[in-house]
Amino acid sequence: MAGAPQGNTNGKKENRLITDALRRAVVQSPEKLRNACDALLEQAEEGNIAAFNVIADRLDGKPAQSMTLAGDEDAPLITRIERVIVNTTDKDS
């Protein structure tokens, strides 16, 4: 089974406490969000690479993560690929 184990609810939207708290704070004081954005832009303008990356990730999305898988002669990653066709209409008695 790939992915998170069954029953893992860490990614559910109702478990995003920090996000929920920030949304409430922004609704109550939208000017604070604007000030924070202005401060982030100023930091990026001054050469703060981390601030620039935050802005770029928000505007363009984060770049896709690449992975390279490689094995060797003694320990290949894939040793066998098999295709099995099952006929579900056959009845074994």
C-alpha atoms as a PDB file:
ATOM      1  CA  MET A   1       0.000   0.000   0.000  1.00  0.00           C
ATOM      2  CA  ALA A   2       1.402   3.354  -1.007  1.00  0.00           C
ATOM      3  CA  GLY A   3       1.010   6.604   0.854  1.00  0.00           C
ATOM      4  CA  ALA A   4      -0.033   7.250   4.410  1.00  0.00           C
ATOM      5  CA  PRO A   5      -1.433   4.390   6.455  1.00  0.00           C
ATOM      6  CA  GLN A   6      -5.195   4.010   6.488  1.00  0.00           C
ATOM      7  CA  GLY A   7      -6.709   6.119   9.236  1.00  0.00           C
ATOM      8  CA  ASN A   8      -3.968   8.776   9.139  1.00  0.00           C
ATOM      9  CA  THR A   9      -5.796  12.108   9.358  1.00  0.00           C
ATOM     10  CA  ASN A  10      -2.780  14.435   9.559  1.00  0.00           C
ATOM     11  CA  GLY A  11      -3.472  15.908   6.119  1.00  0.00           C
ATOM     12  CA  LYS A  12      -7.168  16.578   6.647  1.00  0.00           C
ATOM     13  CA  LYS A  13      -8.207  20.188   6.441  1.00  0.00           C
ATOM     14  CA  GLU A  14      -9.808  20.168   9.889  1.00  0.00           C
ATOM     15  CA  ASN A  15      -6.389  19.411  11.416  1.00  0.00           C
ATOM     16  CA  ARG A  16      -4.765  22.577  10.070  1.00  0.00           C
ATOM     17  CA  LEU A  17      -4.791  24.540  13.309  1.00  0.00           C
ATOM     18  CA  ILE A  18      -2.206  27.130  12.310  1.00  0.00           C
ATOM     19  CA  THR A  19      -3.907  27.785   8.977  1.00  0.00           C
ATOM     20  CA  ASP A  20      -7.275  28.194  10.670  1.00  0.00           C
ATOM     21  CA  ALA A  21      -5.834  30.569  13.278  1.00  0.00           C
ATOM     22  CA  LEU A  22      -4.145  32.662  10.585  1.00  0.00           C
ATOM     23  CA  ARG A  23      -7.345  32.842   8.529  1.00  0.00           C
ATOM     24  CA  ARG A  24      -9.272  34.126  11.554  1.00  0.00           C
ATOM     25  CA  ALA A  25      -6.577  36.704  12.311  1.00  0.00           C
ATOM     26  CA  VAL A  26      -6.558  37.942   8.703  1.00  0.00           C
ATOM     27  CA  VAL A  27     -10.339  38.282   8.647  1.00  0.00           C
ATOM     28  CA  GLN A  28     -10.194  40.305  11.872  1.00  0.00           C
ATOM     29  CA  SER A  29      -7.218  42.475  10.815  1.00  0.00           C
ATOM     30  CA  PRO A  30      -6.609  42.430   7.037  1.00  0.00           C
ATOM     31  CA  GLU A  31      -4.237  45.395   7.365  1.00  0.00           C
ATOM     32  CA  LYS A  32      -1.798  43.197   9.330  1.00  0.00           C
ATOM     33  CA  LEU A  33      -1.582  40.802   6.395  1.00  0.00           C
ATOM     34  CA  ARG A  34      -0.928  43.687   4.043  1.00  0.00           C
ATOM     35  CA  ASN A  35       1.836  44.962   6.361  1.00  0.00           C
ATOM     36  CA  ALA A  36       3.391  41.490   6.538  1.00  0.00           C
ATOM     37  CA  CYS A  37       3.354  41.222   2.734  1.00  0.00           C
ATOM     38  CA  ASP A  38       4.937  44.649   2.415  1.00  0.00           C
ATOM     39  CA  ALA A  39       7.660  43.667   4.902  1.00  0.00           C
ATOM     40  CA  LEU A  40       8.319  40.445   2.964  1.00  0.00           C
ATOM     41  CA  LEU A  41       8.655  42.383  -0.294  1.00  0.00           C
ATOM     42  CA  GLU A  42      11.043  44.854   1.330  1.00  0.00           C
ATOM     43  CA  GLN A  43      13.214  42.017   2.651  1.00  0.00           C
ATOM     44  CA  ALA A  44      13.334  40.419  -0.808  1.00  0.00           C
ATOM     45  CA  GLU A  45      14.219  43.801  -2.321  1.00  0.00           C
ATOM     46  CA  GLU A  46      17.101  44.119   0.157  1.00  0.00           C
ATOM     47  CA  GLY A  47      18.536  40.793  -1.031  1.00  0.00           C
ATOM     48  CA  ASN A  48      17.037  38.327   1.433  1.00  0.00           C
ATOM     49  CA  ILE A  49      16.999  35.150  -0.690  1.00  0.00           C
ATOM     50  CA  ALA A  50      14.642  33.299   1.677  1.00  0.00           C
ATOM     51  CA  ALA A  51      12.079  36.099   1.376  1.00  0.00           C
ATOM     52  CA  PHE A  52      12.454  36.076  -2.398  1.00  0.00           C
ATOM     53  CA  ASN A  53      11.934  32.296  -2.482  1.00  0.00           C
ATOM     54  CA  VAL A  54       8.751  32.598  -0.401  1.00  0.00           C
ATOM     55  CA  ILE A  55       7.365  35.119  -2.883  1.00  0.00           C
ATOM     56  CA  ALA A  56       8.402  33.053  -5.912  1.00  0.00           C
ATOM     57  CA  ASP A  57       6.895  29.882  -4.439  1.00  0.00           C
ATOM     58  CA  ARG A  58       3.599  31.662  -3.768  1.00  0.00           C
ATOM     59  CA  LEU A  59       3.391  33.266  -7.207  1.00  0.00           C
ATOM     60  CA  ASP A  60       4.806  30.488  -9.411  1.00  0.00           C
ATOM     61  CA  GLY A  61       4.346  27.423  -7.200  1.00  0.00           C
ATOM     62  CA  LYS A  62       7.144  25.320  -5.840  1.00  0.00           C
ATOM     63  CA  PRO A  63       9.269  23.550  -8.446  1.00  0.00           C
ATOM     64  CA  ALA A  64       8.602  19.832  -8.837  1.00  0.00           C
ATOM     65  CA  GLN A  65      10.941  17.690  -6.826  1.00  0.00           C
ATOM     66  CA  SER A  66      13.055  15.378  -8.947  1.00  0.00           C
ATOM     67  CA  MET A  67      14.320  11.982  -7.917  1.00  0.00           C
ATOM     68  CA  THR A  68      16.874   9.756  -9.567  1.00  0.00           C
ATOM     69  CA  LEU A  69      16.704   6.086  -8.837  1.00  0.00           C
ATOM     70  CA  ALA A  70      19.641   3.922  -9.706  1.00  0.00           C
ATOM     71  CA  GLY A  71      20.721   0.423  -8.859  1.00  0.00           C
ATOM     72  CA  ASP A  72      23.854  -1.482  -9.698  1.00  0.00           C
ATOM     73  CA  GLU A  73      24.654  -4.871 -11.244  1.00  0.00           C
ATOM     74  CA  ASP A  74      24.696  -6.655  -7.889  1.00  0.00           C
ATOM     75  CA  ALA A  75      21.555  -4.989  -6.490  1.00  0.00           C
ATOM     76  CA  PRO A  76      19.197  -3.822  -9.256  1.00  0.00           C
ATOM     77  CA  LEU A  77      16.157  -1.830  -8.213  1.00  0.00           C
ATOM     78  CA  ILE A  78      13.796  -3.911 -10.344  1.00  0.00           C
ATOM     79  CA  THR A  79      14.394  -7.608 -10.746  1.00  0.00           C
ATOM     80  CA  ARG A  80      11.123  -8.712 -12.350  1.00  0.00           C
ATOM     81  CA  ILE A  81       8.007  -7.186 -13.843  1.00  0.00           C
ATOM     82  CA  GLU A  82       5.090  -9.542 -14.228  1.00  0.00           C
ATOM     83  CA  ARG A  83       1.627  -9.034 -15.713  1.00  0.00           C
ATOM     84  CA  VAL A  84      -1.124 -11.306 -14.458  1.00  0.00           C
ATOM     85  CA  ILE A  85      -4.506 -11.418 -16.139  1.00  0.00           C
ATOM     86  CA  VAL A  86      -7.291 -12.782 -13.987  1.00  0.00           C
ATOM     87  CA  ASN A  87     -10.534 -14.000 -15.499  1.00  0.00           C
ATOM     88  CA  THR A  88     -13.213 -13.380 -12.884  1.00  0.00           C
ATOM     89  CA  THR A  89     -15.880 -15.254 -14.840  1.00  0.00           C
ATOM     90  CA  ASP A  90     -14.194 -18.642 -14.360  1.00  0.00           C
ATOM     91  CA  LYS A  91     -15.526 -20.617 -11.400  1.00  0.00           C
ATOM     92  CA  ASP A  92     -13.295 -23.048  -9.567  1.00  0.00           C
ATOM     93  CA  SER A  93     -15.243 -25.735  -7.683  1.00  0.00           C
END
